Each structure stands twice: as C-alpha cells, then as structure tokens.
Amino acid sequence: MMGTEVRVPTLGESVSEATVATWFKKPGDRVAADEMLCELETDKVSVEVPAPAAGVLAEILVTEGTTVAAGSKLALISSDGQGVAAAPKAETPKKTEAAPAQEPAPKKDVEDAPSARKAMAEAGLSPDAVQGTGRDGRIMKDDVARAVAGASQAAAPAPAPQPALPRQPVPADDAAREERVKMTRLRQTIARRLKEAQNTAAMLTTYNEVDMSGVMGLRNEYKDAFEKKHGTKMGFMSFFVKACCHALKEVPEVNAEIDGTDIVYKNYVHMGVAVGTPSGLVVPVVRDADQMGFAQIEKKIAELGLRARDGKLSMAEMQGGSFTISNGGVYGSLMSSPILNPPQSGILGMHKIQERPVVEKGQIVIRPMMYLALSYDHRIVDGKGAVTFLVRVKEALEDPRRLLLDL
C-alpha cells in the first residue's frame, strides 16, 4: 500500500505539544489535498491539520482527547484506498507516538536573564536542568531558585503527601443533574497565567472616569466620511489605543517589564487587545500601534478580532505585547479590576458608557460617562506614575484634539 503520513505540524515558539480536539474525517473517507482532517488545541490557539495529499484516510492513529508532540504521526492516507483500518476506540489507553519524546527538546534561541546565568553558574546547574518561565522560555533567576529547591527536595526524604482538598459530596439526585467537562488547554493556560500574575506581581488598581462626549461627538460627525474613505468603521478602540500610546510616552514604566533585577523599557508600543472567544479570552497584539493612524488601528483590530473568534490566530500574533487594553463594556460591565497579562506592567480596563449626572460649572448635567481602571505592577510603577497615566488618557479622550496636536 502506498501511503502518506499525516503529522503534527510545527506548533510555534515554546509550544511542544497539543491535544487532538476533533477529527473531521473517519477511516475510509476520501480526502482532497489540503482538506482539513482534524483540529488540534494548544495552550493558546487551535491548529487545523490539512491533508498533505489526496487519497483515502486509511487509518487514524490517535483519538480525540489525546496529547501529541510536534512531529507525531496522526494518521495515514492511502493513495490507492487499500488497508483502511477502523478508527481507534476512545476507551483504549492513550498511547501517543511521542515523536522524539525521549530526545531532549531543542535549545530555544533566546537569551536567559543575566541574573539567572550567574545563579546557574553558582549552583552548578545546566540550562537544560532549569524550566524557563520567562518570555519565549527565557530562564529567570526565580526559575533557577526553584530548580535548586527541587533538587534539594529530591535528595531529602519525601514528606508524607498532603491529601488534596476533596470536593464536597453532593446528594445523588444533584449529582445526576451535573455535567463534568475536562478543561480545555486554553482554559487551563488562562487559569495558570492569571494565578501567576497574582502570585508574582505587586498588583494594584487605580480608577478614574471619563466624559465620552468629545469622542462620541467627533465620531458621529465623521464616521460616515471615515468609513467611505478607509473602508472600515470608526469605533472607540482606536481612540483608546491612541490615548494610551500618548500616555505611555510620558509614563514609560507602564510600558516596561521586569527581567530579573533589570527593568526593560520598550521604545515601541505593541498593544494587546483582549478579545473574548467561545474558547476563552485571548490577547492578539497590534504591533507598533504608536506608529499607526486611526484607520490602520481600526482595520487591524477588526482583522485580529475576527481571526480570534474563528480560532485562526497564530502564536506570533499573541506574543510580544507591551501593554493591554480590555473592554468589558461590550458585555455591560460597569466597573472591574483587570488582571495583568504577564510580563506586562499595565492593563487598562474600559467599561460601559452610561449616562450619569455630573457637575459642570456648578450645574448638574447629564453626560455619557465611562469608568476606567488601570491595574499595574507596583514593583515597577509608582502610584504617581499610574495616576498620571490615567489622567493623560482621560484628558486625551475628553478632548480628542489633543491627540492630533500631541498635547
């Protein structure tokens, strides 16, 4: 039988494995070249696997729910339709062909933190013995400390295992009405990263409110001409992105990150825009947002938002952000405290625009108001800097002409 192997494609930087989510074909089905065979789920994105050649799907080697390594065999395609095997049963033990599972993973082409290199030298550790948690797998000083502690614990007598907190028992009639679903890899990653942010950063949130009359008036006046010329709608996000870029120039520590004992200041703005999808929250990145105009920003956000909802984002499109905006207002949120997207030091939460009574020149008037929330890492951003940043965003939004004049 002449056949073609279907293998797990390259999954992206720092991603070595995925879970088989869905098979679109079954053994015996005829497939065309580049037709989608199955979907894999990684920590961040879904990856579709196309047929490398036309023929008949002869055999599926791994079941849905199985974890596979990059390069593993997924299926066989027969060019002559011979040797078709039944799909493996889901009850069989998960026996993934762990492509080169015994071989060490290739060394990532990233520079480890200087403090980490020094700590590894002092402890006599090889980089291969340390699991890096920094961006792109970079080894940080804390990673070395954990590796040293782990080695010490391994050498010491193992303590008696602590029993996990049991789930509270429920009555049988309640249990019959419950549904247990395994967390997706994306949801597990979201949970882990959010908890890491709380455990690592000295997170604090400061609040303000902004009168959206200026932005709404400008938008209503020019939205038709804007869409006619640029082919995209004028939303609120471009105003917020431009206002944040403007404020980050004045308060650069909000656009920085901590690397060991160093502070890395970014002379660019890669703006993360949090997007809700059926699978969970993802944060695609608008690169060099500070160099873009309103129309470019609107087009890019629309494109990334659509790709996010369709599960088509690449790993590269979600890496390297330096600051994040999260818009809970689209769901009706009036106020919230966003959690940092590590290793970033700041995230701005937008909320619902709501008409409220405010005092202007001694008179009570009705204005469309929005609460703003800036969560920041107090290890690197002082209160003065955080408040200054939020005030600059407020000023730019309440008088959008300031953005045009760089004031």
Protein backbone atom coordinates (compact mmCIF):
# COMPACT_ATOMS: atom_id res chain seq x y z
CA MET A 1 0.00 0.00 0.00
CA MET A 2 1.30 3.41 -0.97
CA GLY A 3 0.58 5.89 1.77
CA THR A 4 1.32 9.34 3.13
CA GLU A 5 1.83 10.09 6.80
CA VAL A 6 -0.11 12.93 8.45
CA ARG A 7 1.99 14.52 11.20
CA VAL A 8 1.54 17.20 13.84
CA PRO A 9 2.77 20.48 12.31
CA THR A 10 5.18 22.91 13.95
CA LEU A 11 3.19 24.49 16.77
CA GLY A 12 5.15 27.70 17.35
CA GLU A 13 7.69 29.02 19.82
CA SER A 14 7.63 27.49 23.32
CA VAL A 15 4.80 25.08 22.34
CA SER A 16 5.83 21.42 22.16
CA GLU A 17 2.53 19.56 22.39
CA ALA A 18 -1.16 19.79 21.56
CA THR A 19 -4.40 17.90 22.14
CA VAL A 20 -6.39 16.33 19.32
CA ALA A 21 -9.71 18.16 19.61
CA THR A 22 -11.80 17.00 16.62
CA TRP A 23 -11.47 14.64 13.68
CA PHE A 24 -13.39 15.93 10.66
CA LYS A 25 -12.93 12.67 8.73
CA LYS A 26 -13.16 8.97 9.52
CA PRO A 27 -11.28 5.99 8.07
CA GLY A 28 -12.48 5.22 4.57
CA ASP A 29 -13.36 8.83 3.73
CA ARG A 30 -11.86 10.24 0.56
CA VAL A 31 -9.90 13.44 1.12
CA ALA A 32 -8.53 16.09 -1.20
CA ALA A 33 -5.10 17.66 -0.84
CA ASP A 34 -5.16 20.46 1.78
CA GLU A 35 -8.63 19.42 3.01
CA MET A 36 -8.89 19.76 6.80
CA LEU A 37 -8.53 16.42 8.59
CA CYS A 38 -8.53 17.40 12.24
CA GLU A 39 -8.13 20.27 14.69
CA LEU A 40 -5.50 20.42 17.41
CA GLU A 41 -5.77 22.55 20.52
CA THR A 42 -2.62 24.10 22.03
CA ASP A 43 -2.21 26.27 25.10
CA LYS A 44 -3.17 29.37 23.11
CA VAL A 45 -4.63 28.64 19.68
CA SER A 46 -6.35 25.97 17.64
CA VAL A 47 -4.38 24.48 14.75
CA GLU A 48 -6.04 22.86 11.75
CA VAL A 49 -4.19 19.96 10.13
CA PRO A 50 -4.68 19.70 6.34
CA ALA A 51 -4.27 16.56 4.26
CA PRO A 52 -0.74 16.52 2.78
CA ALA A 53 -2.00 14.59 -0.27
CA ALA A 54 -5.21 13.39 -1.91
CA GLY A 55 -6.44 9.85 -1.31
CA VAL A 56 -8.38 7.83 1.25
CA LEU A 57 -7.97 8.23 5.01
CA ALA A 58 -6.64 4.75 5.72
CA GLU A 59 -6.02 4.91 9.46
CA ILE A 60 -6.40 7.32 12.40
CA LEU A 61 -3.58 6.67 14.84
CA VAL A 62 -4.67 8.87 17.78
CA THR A 63 -8.10 9.51 19.26
CA GLU A 64 -9.74 12.79 20.18
CA GLY A 65 -8.51 13.99 23.55
CA THR A 66 -5.03 12.54 23.08
CA THR A 67 -1.98 14.71 23.74
CA VAL A 68 0.53 14.64 20.89
CA ALA A 69 4.00 16.07 20.43
CA ALA A 70 5.12 18.19 17.49
CA GLY A 71 6.03 15.88 14.63
CA SER A 72 3.96 12.91 15.89
CA LYS A 73 2.04 10.75 13.42
CA LEU A 74 -1.68 11.43 13.40
CA ALA A 75 -2.97 9.34 10.50
CA LEU A 76 -2.17 7.59 7.24
CA ILE A 77 -3.58 8.48 3.83
CA SER A 78 -3.69 5.74 1.20
CA SER A 79 -3.34 6.74 -2.40
CA ASP A 80 -4.99 3.52 -3.60
CA GLY A 81 -7.67 3.13 -0.95
CA GLN A 82 -6.18 -0.12 0.38
CA GLY A 83 -5.56 -1.05 4.01
CA VAL A 84 -8.31 1.05 5.57
CA ALA A 85 -8.40 0.48 9.34
CA ALA A 86 -11.14 1.30 11.82
CA ALA A 87 -10.67 4.36 13.96
CA PRO A 88 -9.10 3.59 17.36
CA LYS A 89 -11.59 3.37 20.19
CA ALA A 90 -11.58 6.20 22.69
CA GLU A 91 -11.51 3.66 25.55
CA THR A 92 -8.07 2.40 24.61
CA PRO A 93 -5.24 3.76 26.74
CA LYS A 94 -3.82 6.98 25.44
CA LYS A 95 -0.74 5.79 23.65
CA THR A 96 0.61 8.74 21.77
CA GLU A 97 3.50 8.26 19.42
CA ALA A 98 5.57 10.74 21.32
CA ALA A 99 7.70 11.83 18.48
CA PRO A 100 11.11 12.14 19.89
CA ALA A 101 9.69 12.10 23.44
CA GLN A 102 12.93 10.61 24.69
CA GLU A 103 15.04 13.18 22.93
CA PRO A 104 15.69 16.49 24.66
CA ALA A 105 13.82 19.46 23.28
CA PRO A 106 15.95 21.72 21.10
CA LYS A 107 17.53 24.61 22.93
CA LYS A 108 15.45 27.76 22.48
CA ASP A 109 17.27 30.57 20.73
CA VAL A 110 16.69 33.12 23.49
CA GLU A 111 18.99 34.93 25.88
CA ASP A 112 18.50 33.94 29.52
CA ALA A 113 18.41 36.65 32.17
CA PRO A 114 21.94 37.70 33.29
CA SER A 115 20.99 37.11 36.92
CA ALA A 116 19.82 33.61 36.01
CA ARG A 117 23.08 32.76 34.24
CA LYS A 118 25.04 33.87 37.29
CA ALA A 119 22.79 31.86 39.63
CA MET A 120 23.13 28.73 37.45
CA ALA A 121 26.92 29.08 37.46
CA GLU A 122 26.98 29.41 41.26
CA ALA A 123 24.66 26.41 41.70
CA GLY A 124 26.47 24.30 39.08
CA LEU A 125 23.28 23.83 37.06
CA SER A 126 23.00 23.35 33.31
CA PRO A 127 20.33 25.39 31.46
CA ASP A 128 18.81 22.06 30.37
CA ALA A 129 18.02 21.33 34.02
CA VAL A 130 16.01 24.53 34.50
CA GLN A 131 12.49 25.15 33.20
CA GLY A 132 12.28 28.75 31.96
CA THR A 133 9.06 30.68 32.62
CA GLY A 134 10.09 33.98 31.06
CA ARG A 135 9.01 35.16 27.65
CA ASP A 136 9.83 32.66 24.89
CA GLY A 137 11.10 30.21 27.52
CA ARG A 138 13.77 32.56 28.90
CA ILE A 139 15.25 31.34 32.19
CA MET A 140 14.76 33.79 35.06
CA LYS A 141 16.51 33.95 38.44
CA ASP A 142 13.38 32.61 40.18
CA ASP A 143 13.41 29.59 37.83
CA VAL A 144 16.94 28.75 38.99
CA ALA A 145 15.90 29.08 42.63
CA ARG A 146 13.01 26.67 42.04
CA ALA A 147 15.30 24.19 40.30
CA VAL A 148 17.79 24.31 43.20
CA ALA A 149 14.95 23.87 45.71
CA GLY A 150 13.56 20.98 43.68
CA ALA A 151 16.93 19.23 43.65
CA SER A 152 17.23 19.67 47.42
CA GLN A 153 13.78 18.25 47.98
CA ALA A 154 14.56 15.29 45.74
CA ALA A 155 17.64 14.49 47.81
CA ALA A 156 15.76 14.79 51.10
CA PRO A 157 13.32 12.16 52.36
CA ALA A 158 9.96 12.71 50.73
CA PRO A 159 7.43 14.16 53.17
CA ALA A 160 4.13 12.44 53.65
CA PRO A 161 1.80 13.51 50.85
CA GLN A 162 -0.82 16.04 51.83
CA PRO A 163 -4.29 14.95 50.80
CA ALA A 164 -5.93 17.22 48.24
CA LEU A 165 -9.00 19.05 49.41
CA PRO A 166 -11.87 16.77 48.43
CA ARG A 167 -14.84 18.06 46.52
CA GLN A 168 -17.75 18.41 48.88
CA PRO A 169 -20.13 15.47 48.49
CA VAL A 170 -23.44 16.24 46.84
CA PRO A 171 -26.75 14.38 47.07
CA ALA A 172 -27.26 11.67 44.48
CA ASP A 173 -30.16 13.50 42.85
CA ASP A 174 -27.97 16.60 42.42
CA ALA A 175 -25.04 14.57 41.08
CA ALA A 176 -27.29 13.08 38.40
CA ARG A 177 -28.00 16.59 37.10
CA GLU A 178 -24.36 17.70 36.98
CA GLU A 179 -22.07 17.58 33.99
CA ARG A 180 -18.31 17.14 34.27
CA VAL A 181 -16.24 18.51 31.37
CA LYS A 182 -12.45 18.49 31.18
CA MET A 183 -10.92 21.95 30.98
CA THR A 184 -9.51 22.79 27.56
CA ARG A 185 -5.82 23.50 27.26
CA LEU A 186 -6.62 27.16 26.59
CA ARG A 187 -8.73 27.44 29.74
CA GLN A 188 -6.00 25.71 31.79
CA THR A 189 -3.44 28.17 30.43
CA ILE A 190 -5.67 31.16 31.19
CA ALA A 191 -6.13 29.91 34.77
CA ARG A 192 -2.42 29.30 35.26
CA ARG A 193 -1.29 32.66 33.83
CA LEU A 194 -3.85 34.67 35.80
CA LYS A 195 -2.79 32.97 39.03
CA GLU A 196 0.88 33.51 38.19
CA ALA A 197 0.17 37.22 37.72
CA GLN A 198 -1.45 37.42 41.15
CA ASN A 199 1.36 35.48 42.81
CA THR A 200 4.23 37.35 41.14
CA ALA A 201 3.28 40.98 40.59
CA ALA A 202 2.52 43.54 43.30
CA MET A 203 -0.75 44.31 41.57
CA LEU A 204 -2.72 47.45 42.33
CA THR A 205 -5.60 49.18 40.51
CA THR A 206 -6.37 52.88 40.23
CA TYR A 207 -9.62 54.27 38.84
CA ASN A 208 -10.93 57.35 37.07
CA GLU A 209 -13.89 58.28 34.90
CA VAL A 210 -14.05 59.95 31.53
CA ASP A 211 -16.71 62.03 29.83
CA MET A 212 -17.09 60.43 26.40
CA SER A 213 -18.99 63.38 24.89
CA GLY A 214 -15.95 64.59 22.92
CA VAL A 215 -15.16 61.20 21.36
CA MET A 216 -18.81 60.45 20.63
CA GLY A 217 -19.39 63.85 19.05
CA LEU A 218 -16.29 63.57 16.85
CA ARG A 219 -17.21 60.02 15.88
CA ASN A 220 -20.80 60.94 14.95
CA GLU A 221 -19.58 63.87 12.86
CA TYR A 222 -17.01 61.97 10.83
CA LYS A 223 -17.97 58.26 10.96
CA ASP A 224 -19.64 58.21 7.52
CA ALA A 225 -16.78 60.03 5.79
CA PHE A 226 -14.27 57.86 7.68
CA GLU A 227 -15.89 54.61 6.54
CA LYS A 228 -16.28 55.86 2.96
CA LYS A 229 -12.61 56.77 2.68
CA HIS A 230 -10.98 53.96 4.70
CA GLY A 231 -13.43 51.09 4.22
CA THR A 232 -13.73 50.42 7.94
CA LYS A 233 -15.96 51.69 10.73
CA MET A 234 -14.72 54.20 13.28
CA GLY A 235 -15.06 52.64 16.72
CA PHE A 236 -13.94 53.66 20.19
CA MET A 237 -10.92 51.34 20.34
CA SER A 238 -8.75 53.48 18.04
CA PHE A 239 -9.27 56.47 20.34
CA PHE A 240 -8.28 54.41 23.39
CA VAL A 241 -5.24 52.91 21.66
CA LYS A 242 -4.05 56.36 20.55
CA ALA A 243 -4.72 57.84 24.01
CA CYS A 244 -2.75 55.02 25.69
CA CYS A 245 0.17 55.37 23.26
CA HIS A 246 0.22 59.10 24.03
CA ALA A 247 0.22 58.47 27.81
CA LEU A 248 2.86 55.71 27.62
CA LYS A 249 5.35 58.18 26.15
CA GLU A 250 5.04 60.29 29.28
CA VAL A 251 4.98 57.36 31.72
CA PRO A 252 7.29 54.76 30.09
CA GLU A 253 7.43 52.50 33.15
CA VAL A 254 3.85 51.39 32.43
CA ASN A 255 5.20 50.10 29.09
CA ALA A 256 8.14 48.27 30.69
CA GLU A 257 8.74 44.87 32.24
CA ILE A 258 10.92 43.34 34.94
CA ASP A 259 13.62 40.88 33.86
CA GLY A 260 15.38 39.56 36.96
CA THR A 261 16.83 42.68 38.58
CA ASP A 262 16.63 44.71 35.36
CA ILE A 263 13.84 46.95 34.09
CA VAL A 264 13.35 46.69 30.31
CA TYR A 265 11.86 49.86 28.83
CA LYS A 266 10.15 49.42 25.47
CA ASN A 267 10.75 52.13 22.87
CA TYR A 268 7.70 50.89 21.00
CA VAL A 269 4.08 50.03 21.80
CA HIS A 270 2.84 46.56 20.95
CA MET A 271 -0.76 46.94 22.11
CA GLY A 272 -2.54 43.81 23.30
CA VAL A 273 -6.31 43.91 22.77
CA ALA A 274 -8.21 41.37 24.87
CA VAL A 275 -10.85 39.52 22.84
CA GLY A 276 -13.50 37.15 24.17
CA THR A 277 -13.95 33.96 22.11
CA PRO A 278 -16.09 30.84 22.55
CA SER A 279 -12.97 29.07 23.87
CA GLY A 280 -11.89 31.80 26.29
CA LEU A 281 -10.05 35.10 26.44
CA VAL A 282 -7.14 35.67 24.04
CA VAL A 283 -4.99 38.77 23.56
CA PRO A 284 -3.85 39.41 19.98
CA VAL A 285 -1.24 42.14 19.59
CA VAL A 286 -1.34 45.27 17.41
CA ARG A 287 2.37 45.79 16.74
CA ASP A 288 3.85 49.29 16.63
CA ALA A 289 0.47 50.79 17.44
CA ASP A 290 2.18 54.08 18.25
CA GLN A 291 3.19 54.39 14.58
CA MET A 292 -0.32 53.74 13.23
CA GLY A 293 -3.19 56.06 12.33
CA PHE A 294 -6.81 55.68 13.41
CA ALA A 295 -7.83 53.78 10.26
CA GLN A 296 -4.87 51.39 10.46
CA ILE A 297 -5.69 50.62 14.10
CA GLU A 298 -9.40 50.02 13.39
CA LYS A 299 -8.61 47.70 10.46
CA LYS A 300 -6.03 45.71 12.42
CA ILE A 301 -8.26 45.29 15.47
CA ALA A 302 -11.18 44.18 13.27
CA GLU A 303 -8.96 41.67 11.47
CA LEU A 304 -7.46 40.24 14.68
CA GLY A 305 -10.88 40.11 16.38
CA LEU A 306 -12.38 38.11 13.51
CA ARG A 307 -9.40 35.72 13.42
CA ALA A 308 -9.61 35.29 17.19
CA ARG A 309 -13.31 34.37 17.11
CA ASP A 310 -12.65 31.91 14.28
CA GLY A 311 -9.70 30.36 16.15
CA LYS A 312 -7.30 31.33 13.35
CA LEU A 313 -4.77 33.39 15.30
CA SER A 314 -1.14 32.32 15.05
CA MET A 315 1.16 32.10 18.05
CA ALA A 316 3.17 35.07 16.76
CA GLU A 317 0.05 37.24 16.74
CA MET A 318 -0.37 36.78 20.51
CA GLN A 319 3.22 37.23 21.64
CA GLY A 320 5.32 40.26 22.46
CA GLY A 321 2.66 42.67 23.74
CA SER A 322 3.93 45.53 25.92
CA PHE A 323 0.58 46.88 27.24
CA THR A 324 -3.01 45.61 27.12
CA ILE A 325 -6.50 47.10 26.79
CA SER A 326 -9.51 45.07 27.95
CA ASN A 327 -13.01 46.22 27.03
CA GLY A 328 -15.50 44.71 29.43
CA GLY A 329 -18.01 47.36 28.44
CA VAL A 330 -19.09 45.36 25.41
CA TYR A 331 -20.62 42.85 27.85
CA GLY A 332 -22.19 45.55 30.04
CA SER A 333 -19.54 45.74 32.77
CA LEU A 334 -19.77 49.00 34.72
CA MET A 335 -16.61 48.53 36.82
CA SER A 336 -13.89 45.89 37.19
CA SER A 337 -10.25 45.43 38.19
CA PRO A 338 -8.42 43.76 35.28
CA ILE A 339 -5.60 41.30 35.99
CA LEU A 340 -2.17 41.91 34.44
CA ASN A 341 -1.06 39.99 31.37
CA PRO A 342 2.49 38.99 32.46
CA PRO A 343 5.21 40.05 31.96
CA GLN A 344 3.48 43.36 31.16
CA SER A 345 3.29 46.01 33.89
CA GLY A 346 -0.02 47.62 32.96
CA ILE A 347 -3.51 46.87 31.65
CA LEU A 348 -6.34 49.35 31.07
CA GLY A 349 -9.92 48.27 31.62
CA MET A 350 -12.66 50.01 29.62
CA HIS A 351 -16.27 49.78 30.71
CA LYS A 352 -19.85 50.54 29.78
CA ILE A 353 -20.73 54.07 28.68
CA GLN A 354 -23.62 55.17 30.87
CA GLU A 355 -25.41 58.49 31.13
CA ARG A 356 -24.91 59.91 34.64
CA PRO A 357 -25.45 63.25 36.35
CA VAL A 358 -22.22 65.21 36.75
CA VAL A 359 -21.44 68.73 37.90
CA GLU A 360 -20.07 71.22 35.36
CA LYS A 361 -19.51 74.86 36.32
CA GLY A 362 -21.85 74.49 39.27
CA GLN A 363 -24.64 72.91 37.21
CA ILE A 364 -25.86 69.30 37.21
CA VAL A 365 -25.81 67.97 33.65
CA ILE A 366 -26.21 64.54 32.06
CA ARG A 367 -23.09 63.18 30.36
CA PRO A 368 -22.10 59.79 28.82
CA MET A 369 -19.55 58.59 31.38
CA MET A 370 -17.19 55.62 31.45
CA TYR A 371 -15.17 54.27 34.34
CA LEU A 372 -11.53 53.49 33.58
CA ALA A 373 -9.39 51.08 35.62
CA LEU A 374 -5.61 50.78 35.35
CA SER A 375 -4.09 47.72 37.01
CA TYR A 376 -0.33 47.97 37.31
CA ASP A 377 2.68 46.25 38.84
CA HIS A 378 3.62 48.36 41.86
CA ARG A 379 7.13 46.86 41.83
CA ILE A 380 7.96 48.99 38.81
CA VAL A 381 5.18 51.60 38.59
CA ASP A 382 4.70 54.06 41.46
CA GLY A 383 1.31 55.49 42.34
CA LYS A 384 2.23 58.87 40.88
CA GLY A 385 3.08 57.32 37.52
CA ALA A 386 -0.10 55.23 37.45
CA VAL A 387 -2.35 58.18 38.28
CA THR A 388 -0.52 60.41 35.78
CA PHE A 389 -1.00 57.80 33.04
CA LEU A 390 -4.73 57.51 33.72
CA VAL A 391 -5.19 61.29 33.86
CA ARG A 392 -3.43 61.66 30.48
CA VAL A 393 -5.74 59.04 28.96
CA LYS A 394 -8.74 60.88 30.43
CA GLU A 395 -7.57 64.24 29.07
CA ALA A 396 -6.96 62.84 25.58
CA LEU A 397 -10.39 61.21 25.43
CA GLU A 398 -12.29 64.19 26.78
CA ASP A 399 -10.62 66.46 24.21
CA PRO A 400 -9.54 64.25 21.26
CA ARG A 401 -7.96 67.27 19.55
CA ARG A 402 -5.07 66.86 22.00
CA LEU A 403 -4.14 63.63 20.19
CA LEU A 404 -3.83 65.46 16.89
CA LEU A 405 -1.70 68.21 18.44
CA ASP A 406 0.39 65.79 20.60
CA LEU A 407 -0.53 67.63 23.80
